Amino acid sequence: MTCDNSYIVCSIDDIPNRRAVGLVLARIDEATGGEVPYPVVLVRWGRRVVGYVNRCPHAGTRLDWEEGQFLDTTGERLMCGKHGSTFALADGACASGPATGSALERVTVEVIDGDVVVGGVRLAVAEEGDPREDAEGAPGAPTSAAE
């Protein structure tokens, strides 16, 4: 990974094979310097992990149609629960539905020594003893895994 900023967000073992997990990270807004939510979805396929911002390009809503449910019935595409658009896992391109012609926003992800590392964005990192470390939805905390 050739990014200036890179952060371990979970272990590859936290993502079941051929499944997706949603994380709500916090990134630093470049305009204000404040923290803003950065919801991402990570999909594991064997030893490979791909990531996208958890936002449908058509509706602007989160993809998970039910908390932690990101994949279509075949398990081979991401799906927007709001309007049913489906997206290729490999590149985020819309395969069908109202978002046709658009794509999900890619998140730079790499697996290094079993850790899933996100790069290319400045994340807010909790200091030791910060109550955010134990809070649900804290940076790097999985929201849930697809069943």
Protein backbone atom coordinates (compact mmCIF):
# COMPACT_ATOMS: atom_id res chain seq x y z
CA MET A 1 0.00 0.00 0.00
CA THR A 2 1.51 3.31 -1.01
CA CYS A 3 -0.75 5.53 1.12
CA ASP A 4 0.56 8.03 3.64
CA ASN A 5 -2.26 7.10 6.03
CA SER A 6 -3.03 3.46 6.71
CA TYR A 7 -4.90 1.91 9.61
CA ILE A 8 -5.55 -1.62 10.81
CA VAL A 9 -9.33 -1.90 11.14
CA CYS A 10 -9.80 -5.62 11.84
CA SER A 11 -8.34 -9.07 11.32
CA ILE A 12 -9.14 -10.96 8.14
CA ASP A 13 -10.58 -13.64 10.45
CA ASP A 14 -13.22 -11.10 11.58
CA ILE A 15 -14.76 -11.35 8.10
CA PRO A 16 -16.19 -14.78 7.27
CA ASN A 17 -15.16 -16.07 3.83
CA ARG A 18 -17.57 -15.02 1.06
CA ARG A 19 -19.31 -12.60 3.43
CA ALA A 20 -19.36 -8.89 4.14
CA VAL A 21 -19.09 -6.82 7.29
CA GLY A 22 -19.94 -3.20 7.86
CA LEU A 23 -17.69 -0.93 9.89
CA VAL A 24 -18.47 2.57 11.00
CA LEU A 25 -15.13 4.33 11.15
CA ALA A 26 -14.56 8.01 11.84
CA ARG A 27 -12.59 10.08 9.38
CA ILE A 28 -11.24 13.60 9.68
CA ASP A 29 -13.15 16.08 7.52
CA GLU A 30 -10.54 18.07 5.61
CA ALA A 31 -12.68 21.23 5.54
CA THR A 32 -13.55 21.39 9.25
CA GLY A 33 -10.94 19.18 10.90
CA GLY A 34 -13.76 17.48 12.80
CA GLU A 35 -14.68 13.81 12.90
CA VAL A 36 -17.41 12.51 10.56
CA PRO A 37 -18.80 8.99 10.21
CA TYR A 38 -17.13 6.88 7.54
CA PRO A 39 -19.28 3.77 7.01
CA VAL A 40 -17.54 1.10 4.95
CA VAL A 41 -18.35 -2.42 3.84
CA LEU A 42 -15.57 -5.00 3.57
CA VAL A 43 -16.03 -8.19 1.54
CA ARG A 44 -13.75 -11.20 1.93
CA TRP A 45 -13.21 -13.71 -0.85
CA GLY A 46 -10.56 -16.20 0.25
CA ARG A 47 -7.51 -14.21 1.32
CA ARG A 48 -8.63 -11.12 -0.63
CA VAL A 49 -10.64 -8.26 0.89
CA VAL A 50 -12.25 -5.42 -1.05
CA GLY A 51 -13.86 -2.35 0.46
CA TYR A 52 -16.40 0.27 -0.50
CA VAL A 53 -18.03 3.22 1.18
CA ASN A 54 -21.36 1.94 2.48
CA ARG A 55 -23.47 4.32 0.39
CA CYS A 56 -25.57 3.64 -2.68
CA PRO A 57 -24.65 6.03 -5.52
CA HIS A 58 -28.31 6.19 -6.56
CA ALA A 59 -30.10 6.76 -3.26
CA GLY A 60 -27.27 7.93 -0.98
CA THR A 61 -28.45 5.45 1.66
CA ARG A 62 -26.54 2.65 3.32
CA LEU A 63 -26.47 -0.58 1.34
CA ASP A 64 -27.42 -3.00 4.10
CA TRP A 65 -31.07 -3.79 3.64
CA GLU A 66 -31.08 -5.24 7.12
CA GLU A 67 -28.27 -4.53 9.55
CA GLY A 68 -25.28 -6.54 8.36
CA GLN A 69 -26.99 -7.80 5.19
CA PHE A 70 -25.00 -6.61 2.19
CA LEU A 71 -25.07 -9.39 -0.39
CA ASP A 72 -27.79 -10.43 -2.84
CA THR A 73 -29.39 -13.87 -2.59
CA THR A 74 -26.61 -15.44 -4.69
CA GLY A 75 -23.93 -14.03 -2.38
CA GLU A 76 -22.02 -12.81 -5.43
CA ARG A 77 -22.94 -9.11 -5.51
CA LEU A 78 -23.43 -6.28 -3.07
CA MET A 79 -27.02 -5.09 -3.02
CA CYS A 80 -28.72 -1.85 -2.02
CA GLY A 81 -31.65 -2.71 0.20
CA LYS A 82 -33.49 0.50 -0.63
CA HIS A 83 -33.93 0.10 -4.41
CA GLY A 84 -32.34 -3.26 -5.23
CA SER A 85 -29.35 -2.12 -7.29
CA THR A 86 -26.61 -4.76 -7.34
CA PHE A 87 -22.88 -4.12 -7.57
CA ALA A 88 -19.96 -6.28 -8.71
CA LEU A 89 -17.69 -7.28 -5.83
CA ALA A 90 -14.51 -6.85 -7.89
CA ASP A 91 -14.94 -3.21 -8.92
CA GLY A 92 -18.18 -1.88 -7.40
CA ALA A 93 -19.77 -1.27 -10.83
CA CYS A 94 -23.56 -1.39 -10.81
CA ALA A 95 -24.75 -4.60 -12.49
CA SER A 96 -28.50 -3.92 -12.31
CA GLY A 97 -31.12 -1.59 -10.89
CA PRO A 98 -31.63 2.18 -10.63
CA ALA A 99 -27.91 2.85 -10.02
CA THR A 100 -26.96 1.43 -13.46
CA GLY A 101 -24.11 3.44 -14.96
CA SER A 102 -22.59 4.30 -11.59
CA ALA A 103 -20.33 2.52 -9.12
CA LEU A 104 -19.67 2.30 -5.42
CA GLU A 105 -16.87 4.45 -4.03
CA ARG A 106 -13.82 2.26 -3.54
CA VAL A 107 -11.97 2.11 -0.22
CA THR A 108 -8.26 1.30 -0.42
CA VAL A 109 -7.84 -2.00 1.43
CA GLU A 110 -4.97 -4.43 1.78
CA VAL A 111 -4.38 -7.53 3.90
CA ILE A 112 -1.02 -7.41 5.66
CA ASP A 113 0.02 -10.27 7.95
CA GLY A 114 -3.64 -11.16 8.55
CA ASP A 115 -4.69 -7.59 9.33
CA VAL A 116 -7.14 -5.67 7.15
CA VAL A 117 -5.61 -2.26 6.52
CA VAL A 118 -7.52 0.77 5.18
CA GLY A 119 -5.53 3.53 3.52
CA GLY A 120 -5.85 6.73 1.57
CA VAL A 121 -8.03 8.48 4.11
CA ARG A 122 -7.28 10.20 7.42
CA LEU A 123 -9.13 8.36 10.16
CA ALA A 124 -9.76 9.56 13.69
CA VAL A 125 -7.95 7.26 16.08
CA ALA A 126 -9.02 6.86 19.70
CA GLU A 127 -6.30 7.62 22.24
CA GLU A 128 -5.54 5.04 24.92
CA GLY A 129 -8.23 5.28 27.58
CA ASP A 130 -10.63 7.08 25.21
CA PRO A 131 -14.19 5.81 25.88
CA ARG A 132 -14.68 5.39 22.11
CA GLU A 133 -12.40 2.34 22.24
CA ASP A 134 -15.13 0.26 23.89
CA ALA A 135 -18.17 1.87 22.27
CA GLU A 136 -20.24 0.12 19.62
CA GLY A 137 -19.53 1.79 16.30
CA ALA A 138 -16.11 3.00 17.48
CA PRO A 139 -13.44 3.33 14.80
CA GLY A 140 -12.68 -0.15 13.60
CA ALA A 141 -15.59 -1.81 15.42
CA PRO A 142 -17.57 -4.18 13.20
CA THR A 143 -21.28 -3.37 13.13
CA SER A 144 -22.17 -6.96 12.25
CA ALA A 145 -21.45 -9.78 9.83
CA ALA A 146 -23.75 -11.08 7.14
CA GLU A 147 -25.31 -14.42 8.04
